[in-house]
Amino acid sequence: MITELSAQNFKSWENTGKLEVAPLTGFFGANGSGKTSLFQALLMLKQTAERPPEWDGTIDFGDEGSVVNLSGFDEVIHRHKSGLSLDISVAWNLPEKLIIGGRGAAEQSLPRAPRTPNRLRSESLGLEISALSFSTTIVRAGADSVFVDGFGYMSDGYEFFGIVRDTDSQYKLIFPPNLRLQGAFSSIPFRCYGIRDGSARVPDTPFLSFERAFKDLFSRIHHLSPLREPPRDQYAYGGEHPKGVGQHGEQAVAALLSGRIQLLSIDEQILKWLQRLEMIDSYRLHVDPDRENHYEFRLKQHKDGPDVRLTDIGLGVFQILPILALCYYVPEGSILILEQPEAHLHPKAQADLADVFIDVVKNRNIQIILETHSEYLLSRLQRRIAEEKIPATDTALYFCQVSDGKSEIERLTMDEYGNITNWPQDFFGDEMRDWGAKSKAEMEQRKGNK
């Protein structure tokens, strides 16, 4: 689970500060306030980590086929100012502990930031690490390229492994002295998170344990865009097992069929929630007898209603289907980034989404990070906190806004009863002003009709 995120000089963010990320984290604010940019920082690191081994770039800003397309360094850097560095940090809990140091390793001093002397004892089975933080600094290199100025991995304040630029072309490694490495190798960055030994990768040292942990984190992140692929009459499925439902929900039906093969309870969960959201009574995936491996998604909106295709009803069902499929298909321990999950849903369904998210956070160990404009979703979450369905400490809610061209962020203070004690002005628009203007107009109209 991600526990902390920060970015400096990234798009509209001069400095986010350290943002605590909880099991259920939500970002609110007007359009263009910087909410999506926070997600893009994570997705940029994800697509960098998932590039094939032969890719030799520093960080992947993306292209038209990428999860996120940020064009390049000049478009990403804050206010397009030259001379600024791009800094991103992320902290997370590891699904399994890392063992650093070997049997019989002696007590050694470890570099700590700030550089003050500290000592840890490396036990006979090694030092156990259950949480990591990573930070990287990217700078411009000439007119056409970027390079790493430095990066590092830390745990409990101790810097275990990193690399810093010593000169324009030379780097210096940072690592604990008790991690004795066999042979010498030059300090060459591998992308923005690892190292190389000249033209080859570093041997399987503890260094690679951190790199693997980094890549594992981003392999568990799944992103769902607010723009869904339109529903189809038929879906081809050849027995594959997609990792998720696709960025636009295009693999939601494939995930359903894959879940059946893997004997997951995904159908049961999706039907339960679609019924609770009062969208359908039942559904089935119908095999086309004339086309091999092609399926129709057919449903009944009412118990005695007709059996119709997914394309014959409103967008609501298909809008929420990928969300439900993603929540109950991905493995436990996954991290979901959801943009505007409430789009095209009526207010009751928006509120019920909060219950979906609470269920998967509590019962499937799924972390959900979302950005939303839905006051109905927030109100339901506040109610469930008051009802003790989820503790306020398992949530982190933020309000984003722009001031003088820079994004600013404030954490909403939620008490144990679901009350927000620092409610921002015009959080969901100025409802009272609208009601006041409406009442005034009504009085004027009544006077004119007398």
Protein backbone atom coordinates (compact mmCIF):
# COMPACT_ATOMS: atom_id res chain seq x y z
CA MET A 1 0.00 0.00 0.00
CA ILE A 2 1.24 3.49 -0.84
CA THR A 3 1.58 5.52 2.34
CA GLU A 4 3.04 8.82 1.15
CA LEU A 5 3.44 10.83 -2.04
CA SER A 6 5.11 14.12 -2.88
CA ALA A 7 6.11 16.02 -6.01
CA GLN A 8 7.99 19.22 -6.72
CA ASN A 9 7.91 21.24 -9.94
CA PHE A 10 5.48 18.82 -11.57
CA LYS A 11 3.00 20.60 -13.84
CA SER A 12 0.88 22.97 -11.72
CA TRP A 13 2.50 21.77 -8.48
CA GLU A 14 5.44 23.76 -7.23
CA ASN A 15 5.49 21.59 -4.10
CA THR A 16 2.76 19.26 -2.90
CA GLY A 17 4.44 18.67 0.45
CA LYS A 18 4.26 15.19 1.92
CA LEU A 19 0.77 13.79 1.32
CA GLU A 20 -0.35 10.92 3.50
CA VAL A 21 -2.08 8.23 1.45
CA ALA A 22 -4.58 6.04 3.31
CA PRO A 23 -6.37 2.82 2.29
CA LEU A 24 -9.17 5.03 0.92
CA THR A 25 -7.88 8.36 -0.35
CA GLY A 26 -9.89 11.00 -2.20
CA PHE A 27 -8.99 14.22 -3.96
CA PHE A 28 -11.61 16.93 -4.44
CA GLY A 29 -11.52 20.31 -6.15
CA ALA A 30 -12.50 22.23 -9.26
CA ASN A 31 -11.47 21.23 -12.76
CA GLY A 32 -7.86 22.16 -13.44
CA SER A 33 -6.90 22.27 -9.76
CA GLY A 34 -4.16 19.64 -10.11
CA LYS A 35 -5.92 16.47 -8.91
CA THR A 36 -5.21 14.46 -12.04
CA SER A 37 -1.58 15.60 -12.09
CA LEU A 38 -1.01 13.78 -8.79
CA PHE A 39 -2.12 10.55 -10.45
CA GLN A 40 -0.01 11.27 -13.52
CA ALA A 41 3.15 11.42 -11.42
CA LEU A 42 2.52 7.85 -10.26
CA LEU A 43 1.49 6.64 -13.70
CA MET A 44 4.62 8.15 -15.24
CA LEU A 45 6.74 6.06 -12.85
CA LYS A 46 4.56 3.00 -13.59
CA GLN A 47 5.06 3.14 -17.35
CA THR A 48 8.79 3.76 -16.82
CA ALA A 49 9.06 0.62 -14.67
CA GLU A 50 7.08 -1.44 -17.20
CA ARG A 51 9.17 -0.53 -20.23
CA PRO A 52 10.92 -3.55 -21.85
CA PRO A 53 14.53 -4.22 -20.73
CA GLU A 54 16.04 -2.79 -23.92
CA TRP A 55 14.46 0.65 -23.33
CA ASP A 56 17.29 2.99 -22.30
CA GLY A 57 15.47 6.18 -21.36
CA THR A 58 15.53 7.91 -17.98
CA ILE A 59 11.82 8.43 -17.38
CA ASP A 60 8.89 7.69 -19.69
CA PHE A 61 6.81 10.80 -20.34
CA GLY A 62 4.66 8.69 -22.67
CA ASP A 63 3.18 8.92 -26.13
CA GLU A 64 -0.25 8.42 -27.70
CA GLY A 65 -0.22 4.71 -26.80
CA SER A 66 0.82 5.18 -23.17
CA VAL A 67 -1.23 5.11 -20.00
CA VAL A 68 -0.39 8.79 -19.60
CA ASN A 69 1.06 11.05 -22.30
CA LEU A 70 2.93 14.01 -20.83
CA SER A 71 4.84 14.92 -24.02
CA GLY A 72 8.20 15.74 -22.44
CA PHE A 73 10.20 17.45 -19.72
CA ASP A 74 9.47 20.99 -20.90
CA GLU A 75 5.70 20.35 -20.79
CA VAL A 76 5.86 18.73 -17.36
CA ILE A 77 8.16 21.12 -15.51
CA HIS A 78 6.37 23.71 -13.38
CA ARG A 79 5.44 26.82 -15.40
CA HIS A 80 7.87 25.59 -18.10
CA LYS A 81 10.72 27.24 -16.22
CA SER A 82 14.25 26.32 -17.25
CA GLY A 83 16.72 25.24 -14.61
CA LEU A 84 14.19 23.49 -12.38
CA SER A 85 14.49 19.85 -11.36
CA LEU A 86 11.59 17.40 -11.22
CA ASP A 87 11.37 15.63 -7.86
CA ILE A 88 9.00 12.77 -7.04
CA SER A 89 8.87 10.69 -3.86
CA VAL A 90 6.69 7.74 -2.92
CA ALA A 91 6.59 5.56 0.20
CA TRP A 92 4.89 2.19 0.56
CA ASN A 93 4.48 -0.88 2.74
CA LEU A 94 6.00 -4.04 1.30
CA PRO A 95 3.77 -7.10 0.80
CA GLU A 96 6.69 -9.24 2.01
CA LYS A 97 9.66 -8.20 4.12
CA LEU A 98 13.04 -7.63 2.53
CA ILE A 99 16.03 -9.22 4.31
CA ILE A 100 19.11 -7.03 3.95
CA GLY A 101 22.51 -8.20 5.26
CA GLY A 102 23.70 -11.76 5.74
CA ARG A 103 24.35 -14.28 8.47
CA GLY A 104 27.11 -13.14 10.78
CA ALA A 105 27.06 -9.54 9.58
CA ALA A 106 28.49 -7.23 12.19
CA GLU A 107 26.96 -4.09 13.57
CA GLN A 108 27.59 -1.31 11.09
CA SER A 109 26.77 2.36 10.83
CA LEU A 110 24.27 3.33 8.16
CA PRO A 111 24.04 6.67 6.39
CA ARG A 112 20.98 8.57 7.51
CA ALA A 113 19.39 11.72 6.17
CA PRO A 114 20.34 14.18 7.53
CA ARG A 115 23.84 12.78 7.75
CA THR A 116 24.12 12.03 11.47
CA PRO A 117 25.83 8.97 12.96
CA ASN A 118 23.45 6.11 13.75
CA ARG A 119 23.98 2.42 14.34
CA LEU A 120 21.83 -0.60 13.63
CA ARG A 121 22.59 -4.24 14.41
CA SER A 122 22.26 -6.56 11.43
CA GLU A 123 21.01 -9.82 12.95
CA SER A 124 22.19 -13.24 11.83
CA LEU A 125 19.24 -13.55 9.46
CA GLY A 126 19.71 -9.99 8.19
CA LEU A 127 17.93 -6.70 8.63
CA GLU A 128 14.19 -6.92 7.98
CA ILE A 129 12.58 -4.09 6.02
CA SER A 130 8.77 -3.87 5.86
CA ALA A 131 8.42 -0.38 4.34
CA LEU A 132 10.36 1.63 1.78
CA SER A 133 10.45 5.14 0.44
CA PHE A 134 11.88 6.18 -2.91
CA SER A 135 12.79 9.59 -4.25
CA THR A 136 14.21 10.63 -7.59
CA THR A 137 15.39 13.89 -9.12
CA ILE A 138 15.27 14.41 -12.89
CA VAL A 139 16.96 17.34 -14.64
CA ARG A 140 17.30 18.64 -18.17
CA ALA A 141 20.42 17.61 -20.12
CA GLY A 142 20.93 19.92 -23.08
CA ALA A 143 18.18 20.48 -25.61
CA ASP A 144 16.98 16.94 -26.25
CA SER A 145 17.41 14.73 -23.19
CA VAL A 146 17.04 14.42 -19.44
CA PHE A 147 19.07 12.56 -16.86
CA VAL A 148 18.99 11.45 -13.25
CA ASP A 149 20.54 13.85 -10.78
CA GLY A 150 20.09 11.29 -8.02
CA PHE A 151 17.72 8.81 -6.42
CA GLY A 152 17.57 6.80 -3.24
CA TYR A 153 15.75 4.13 -1.24
CA MET A 154 15.19 4.62 2.47
CA SER A 155 13.50 2.87 5.38
CA ASP A 156 12.81 4.40 8.79
CA GLY A 157 15.02 7.31 7.81
CA TYR A 158 18.03 5.16 6.92
CA GLU A 159 19.36 5.49 3.40
CA PHE A 160 20.14 1.99 2.20
CA PHE A 161 20.87 2.51 -1.46
CA GLY A 162 21.09 5.44 -3.77
CA ILE A 163 23.06 7.23 -6.42
CA VAL A 164 24.05 10.88 -6.68
CA ARG A 165 25.65 12.77 -9.54
CA ASP A 166 29.26 13.60 -8.66
CA THR A 167 30.10 15.39 -11.91
CA ASP A 168 28.32 15.78 -15.25
CA SER A 169 29.19 12.22 -16.26
CA GLN A 170 30.08 10.45 -13.01
CA TYR A 171 27.88 9.08 -10.25
CA LYS A 172 28.58 8.03 -6.69
CA LEU A 173 26.86 5.07 -5.06
CA ILE A 174 25.37 5.25 -1.56
CA PHE A 175 25.00 1.97 0.32
CA PRO A 176 25.57 0.53 3.81
CA PRO A 177 29.13 -0.65 4.41
CA ASN A 178 27.95 -4.02 5.73
CA LEU A 179 26.66 -4.91 2.25
CA ARG A 180 29.94 -6.15 0.79
CA LEU A 181 29.80 -6.39 -3.00
CA GLN A 182 31.83 -8.86 -5.01
CA GLY A 183 33.89 -7.12 -7.67
CA ALA A 184 33.89 -3.50 -8.75
CA PHE A 185 31.47 -1.81 -11.08
CA SER A 186 30.89 1.69 -12.33
CA SER A 187 28.02 3.79 -11.04
CA ILE A 188 25.67 4.18 -14.00
CA PRO A 189 21.94 4.87 -13.46
CA PHE A 190 19.40 2.48 -14.90
CA ARG A 191 16.40 4.67 -15.71
CA CYS A 192 15.43 6.74 -12.67
CA TYR A 193 15.36 3.92 -10.11
CA GLY A 194 18.24 1.41 -10.64
CA ILE A 195 21.89 1.02 -11.59
CA ARG A 196 23.99 -0.68 -14.25
CA ASP A 197 27.50 -2.11 -14.32
CA GLY A 198 28.89 -0.53 -17.47
CA SER A 199 26.90 -2.01 -20.35
CA ALA A 200 25.42 -4.83 -18.23
CA ARG A 201 23.13 -4.96 -15.26
CA VAL A 202 24.54 -5.17 -11.74
CA PRO A 203 24.77 -8.76 -10.40
CA ASP A 204 22.05 -9.96 -8.06
CA THR A 205 23.10 -7.84 -5.08
CA PRO A 206 20.81 -6.28 -2.44
CA PHE A 207 20.63 -3.32 -4.82
CA LEU A 208 18.35 -5.31 -7.09
CA SER A 209 16.06 -6.18 -4.17
CA PHE A 210 15.09 -2.52 -3.95
CA GLU A 211 14.65 -2.26 -7.69
CA ARG A 212 12.42 -5.34 -7.70
CA ALA A 213 10.39 -3.88 -4.83
CA PHE A 214 9.95 -0.68 -6.85
CA LYS A 215 8.79 -2.56 -9.94
CA ASP A 216 6.49 -4.78 -7.86
CA LEU A 217 4.80 -1.71 -6.38
CA PHE A 218 3.98 -0.23 -9.77
CA SER A 219 2.90 -3.60 -11.20
CA ARG A 220 0.14 -3.60 -8.57
CA ILE A 221 -1.23 -0.20 -9.65
CA HIS A 222 -4.28 -0.25 -11.94
CA HIS A 223 -5.68 2.90 -13.51
CA LEU A 224 -9.20 3.50 -14.79
CA SER A 225 -9.86 6.61 -16.85
CA PRO A 226 -13.17 8.50 -16.58
CA LEU A 227 -13.62 8.01 -20.34
CA ARG A 228 -15.02 4.53 -20.92
CA GLU A 229 -14.92 2.65 -24.20
CA PRO A 230 -18.51 2.48 -25.56
CA PRO A 231 -20.29 -0.85 -25.04
CA ARG A 232 -20.23 -3.35 -27.91
CA ASP A 233 -22.74 -5.80 -29.32
CA GLN A 234 -20.22 -8.63 -28.89
CA TYR A 235 -16.93 -9.25 -27.14
CA ALA A 236 -14.24 -11.60 -28.42
CA TYR A 237 -12.59 -13.74 -25.75
CA GLY A 238 -9.97 -16.43 -26.35
CA GLY A 239 -9.26 -17.54 -22.80
CA GLU A 240 -6.76 -14.83 -21.86
CA HIS A 241 -6.33 -13.50 -18.31
CA PRO A 242 -5.96 -9.72 -18.43
CA LYS A 243 -4.16 -7.98 -15.57
CA GLY A 244 -7.05 -5.57 -15.11
CA VAL A 245 -9.95 -4.16 -17.09
CA GLY A 246 -7.96 -1.82 -19.34
CA GLN A 247 -7.49 1.90 -18.97
CA HIS A 248 -10.91 2.61 -20.49
CA GLY A 249 -12.74 -0.49 -19.28
CA GLU A 250 -12.32 -2.25 -22.62
CA GLN A 251 -11.34 -5.54 -20.94
CA ALA A 252 -14.09 -5.62 -18.33
CA VAL A 253 -15.99 -8.47 -20.02
CA ALA A 254 -12.73 -10.41 -20.55
CA ALA A 255 -12.05 -10.00 -16.83
CA LEU A 256 -15.49 -11.42 -16.05
CA LEU A 257 -14.91 -14.45 -18.25
CA SER A 258 -11.39 -14.91 -16.91
CA GLY A 259 -12.76 -14.76 -13.36
CA ARG A 260 -15.10 -17.65 -14.18
CA ILE A 261 -12.21 -19.76 -15.43
CA GLN A 262 -10.23 -18.97 -12.27
CA LEU A 263 -13.28 -19.76 -10.10
CA LEU A 264 -13.38 -16.26 -8.64
CA SER A 265 -16.62 -14.96 -7.13
CA ILE A 266 -16.57 -11.95 -9.42
CA ASP A 267 -20.00 -12.59 -11.00
CA GLU A 268 -21.62 -12.89 -7.59
CA GLN A 269 -20.13 -9.61 -6.38
CA ILE A 270 -20.96 -7.66 -9.54
CA LEU A 271 -24.57 -8.85 -9.62
CA LYS A 272 -24.97 -8.03 -5.93
CA TRP A 273 -23.83 -4.46 -6.42
CA LEU A 274 -25.69 -3.86 -9.70
CA GLN A 275 -28.88 -4.97 -7.95
CA ARG A 276 -28.15 -2.82 -4.91
CA LEU A 277 -27.51 0.16 -7.17
CA GLU A 278 -30.96 -0.60 -8.69
CA MET A 279 -29.54 -0.81 -12.21
CA ILE A 280 -30.40 -4.36 -13.25
CA ASP A 281 -32.13 -7.50 -12.00
CA SER A 282 -29.85 -10.03 -13.70
CA TYR A 283 -27.29 -10.50 -16.46
CA ARG A 284 -25.70 -13.27 -18.47
CA LEU A 285 -22.88 -13.64 -20.95
CA HIS A 286 -24.41 -15.31 -24.00
CA VAL A 287 -22.17 -17.25 -26.43
CA ASP A 288 -22.88 -16.52 -30.09
CA PRO A 289 -23.46 -19.92 -31.73
CA ASP A 290 -22.41 -18.53 -35.13
CA ARG A 291 -19.14 -16.89 -34.04
CA GLU A 292 -16.57 -18.84 -32.07
CA ASN A 293 -15.33 -17.18 -28.88
CA HIS A 294 -17.72 -14.25 -29.18
CA TYR A 295 -20.03 -13.26 -26.31
CA GLU A 296 -23.00 -10.98 -25.83
CA PHE A 297 -23.61 -9.25 -22.52
CA ARG A 298 -27.37 -9.45 -22.01
CA LEU A 299 -29.33 -8.21 -19.02
CA LYS A 300 -32.75 -7.66 -17.52
CA GLN A 301 -33.40 -4.34 -15.86
CA HIS A 302 -36.51 -5.75 -14.15
CA LYS A 303 -37.42 -9.29 -13.13
CA ASP A 304 -40.16 -9.62 -15.75
CA GLY A 305 -38.49 -7.31 -18.27
CA PRO A 306 -37.07 -8.23 -21.67
CA ASP A 307 -33.58 -9.66 -22.16
CA VAL A 308 -31.64 -6.79 -23.79
CA ARG A 309 -28.11 -6.14 -24.98
CA LEU A 310 -25.70 -3.88 -23.13
CA THR A 311 -25.82 -1.46 -26.06
CA ASP A 312 -29.61 -1.07 -25.73
CA ILE A 313 -29.62 0.68 -22.34
CA GLY A 314 -28.12 3.87 -20.90
CA LEU A 315 -24.45 4.41 -20.13
CA GLY A 316 -24.81 3.90 -16.38
CA VAL A 317 -24.38 0.11 -16.33
CA PHE A 318 -21.34 0.10 -18.57
CA GLN A 319 -19.88 3.06 -16.70
CA ILE A 320 -19.92 1.18 -13.42
CA LEU A 321 -19.28 -2.34 -14.76
CA PRO A 322 -15.51 -1.79 -15.24
CA ILE A 323 -15.25 -0.32 -11.73
CA LEU A 324 -16.92 -3.34 -10.14
CA ALA A 325 -14.98 -5.78 -12.31
CA LEU A 326 -11.70 -4.10 -11.39
CA CYS A 327 -12.49 -4.05 -7.66
CA TYR A 328 -13.27 -7.78 -7.51
CA TYR A 329 -10.96 -9.13 -10.22
CA VAL A 330 -7.52 -7.77 -9.37
CA PRO A 331 -5.49 -9.63 -6.72
CA GLU A 332 -5.60 -8.59 -3.09
CA GLY A 333 -2.94 -6.00 -2.35
CA SER A 334 -3.64 -4.10 -5.57
CA ILE A 335 -3.82 -0.30 -5.78
CA LEU A 336 -6.61 1.27 -7.83
CA ILE A 337 -6.41 4.79 -9.25
CA LEU A 338 -9.91 5.87 -10.26
CA GLU A 339 -10.76 9.12 -12.02
CA GLN A 340 -14.31 10.40 -11.61
CA PRO A 341 -15.86 6.98 -10.93
CA GLU A 342 -19.23 8.69 -10.51
CA ALA A 343 -19.46 9.91 -14.13
CA HIS A 344 -22.87 9.17 -15.78
CA LEU A 345 -24.30 7.81 -12.50
CA HIS A 346 -27.36 9.14 -10.72
CA PRO A 347 -26.99 10.44 -7.13
CA LYS A 348 -28.02 7.20 -5.37
CA ALA A 349 -25.52 5.18 -7.38
CA GLN A 350 -22.82 7.76 -6.64
CA ALA A 351 -23.50 7.37 -2.92
CA ASP A 352 -23.54 3.58 -3.16
CA LEU A 353 -20.09 3.65 -4.77
CA ALA A 354 -18.71 4.67 -1.38
CA ASP A 355 -20.02 1.37 0.01
CA VAL A 356 -18.36 -0.55 -2.82
CA PHE A 357 -15.04 1.08 -2.03
CA ILE A 358 -15.35 0.49 1.70
CA ASP A 359 -16.11 -3.19 1.05
CA VAL A 360 -13.05 -3.83 -1.12
CA VAL A 361 -10.75 -1.80 1.14
CA LYS A 362 -11.83 -3.77 4.20
CA ASN A 363 -12.42 -7.23 2.78
CA ARG A 364 -10.00 -7.47 -0.16
CA ASN A 365 -7.07 -5.40 1.12
CA ILE A 366 -7.36 -3.13 -1.93
CA GLN A 367 -6.15 0.46 -1.77
CA ILE A 368 -8.31 2.99 -3.61
CA ILE A 369 -7.08 6.43 -4.64
CA LEU A 370 -9.70 8.48 -6.44
CA GLU A 371 -10.52 11.95 -7.63
CA THR A 372 -14.16 12.94 -7.64
CA HIS A 373 -16.65 15.79 -7.84
CA SER A 374 -19.39 13.82 -6.07
CA GLU A 375 -20.81 15.27 -2.87
CA TYR A 376 -23.09 12.20 -2.68
CA LEU A 377 -20.12 9.84 -2.51
CA LEU A 378 -18.51 12.00 0.18
CA SER A 379 -21.71 12.24 2.23
CA ARG A 380 -22.12 8.45 2.22
CA LEU A 381 -18.51 8.04 3.33
CA GLN A 382 -19.07 10.51 6.18
CA ARG A 383 -22.17 8.55 7.22
CA ARG A 384 -20.29 5.23 7.21
CA ILE A 385 -17.55 6.72 9.37
CA ALA A 386 -20.18 7.86 11.88
CA GLU A 387 -21.71 4.36 11.75
CA GLU A 388 -18.24 2.87 12.40
CA LYS A 389 -18.23 0.93 9.12
CA ILE A 390 -14.77 2.35 8.41
CA PRO A 391 -12.53 4.36 10.76
CA ALA A 392 -11.67 7.93 9.81
CA THR A 393 -8.01 6.94 10.15
CA ASP A 394 -8.40 4.64 7.12
CA THR A 395 -9.30 7.65 4.97
CA ALA A 396 -7.40 10.66 3.68
CA LEU A 397 -9.34 13.40 1.89
CA TYR A 398 -7.80 16.42 0.19
CA PHE A 399 -9.09 19.63 -1.37
CA CYS A 400 -7.13 21.06 -4.30
CA GLN A 401 -7.32 24.58 -5.68
CA VAL A 402 -5.26 26.94 -7.81
CA SER A 403 -3.90 30.23 -6.53
CA ASP A 404 -1.77 32.52 -8.71
CA GLY A 405 -1.23 29.72 -11.20
CA LYS A 406 0.00 27.21 -8.60
CA SER A 407 -1.90 24.24 -7.23
CA GLU A 408 -2.40 24.15 -3.48
CA ILE A 409 -3.68 21.32 -1.36
CA GLU A 410 -5.29 21.06 2.05
CA ARG A 411 -6.12 17.90 3.94
CA LEU A 412 -9.70 17.79 5.17
CA THR A 413 -9.83 17.12 8.89
CA MET A 414 -12.33 14.34 9.53
CA ASP A 415 -13.32 13.42 13.07
CA GLU A 416 -14.52 10.01 14.27
CA TYR A 417 -18.13 11.00 13.60
CA GLY A 418 -17.52 11.84 9.95
CA ASN A 419 -17.57 15.60 10.43
CA ILE A 420 -15.22 17.72 8.33
CA THR A 421 -14.01 20.50 10.63
CA ASN A 422 -12.21 22.61 8.00
CA TRP A 423 -14.78 22.61 5.20
CA PRO A 424 -13.37 24.79 2.38
CA GLN A 425 -15.36 27.67 0.97
CA ASP A 426 -17.33 26.73 -2.17
CA PHE A 427 -16.26 23.08 -1.75
CA PHE A 428 -19.06 21.86 -4.04
CA GLY A 429 -20.01 25.24 -5.44
CA ASP A 430 -22.00 27.97 -3.72
CA GLU A 431 -25.32 26.25 -3.05
CA MET A 432 -26.54 28.83 -0.54
CA ARG A 433 -25.94 31.67 -3.02
CA ASP A 434 -27.99 29.80 -5.64
CA TRP A 435 -30.82 29.23 -3.18
CA GLY A 436 -30.72 32.88 -2.13
CA ALA A 437 -30.80 34.09 -5.73
CA LYS A 438 -33.62 31.68 -6.50
CA SER A 439 -35.70 32.95 -3.56
CA LYS A 440 -35.10 36.57 -4.55
CA ALA A 441 -36.12 35.87 -8.16
CA GLU A 442 -39.24 34.05 -6.93
CA MET A 443 -40.29 37.03 -4.81
CA GLU A 444 -39.74 39.43 -7.71
CA GLN A 445 -41.81 37.22 -10.00
CA ARG A 446 -44.64 36.95 -7.48
CA LYS A 447 -44.72 40.74 -7.12
CA GLY A 448 -44.98 41.11 -10.90
CA ASN A 449 -47.88 38.66 -11.07
CA LYS A 450 -50.02 40.55 -8.56
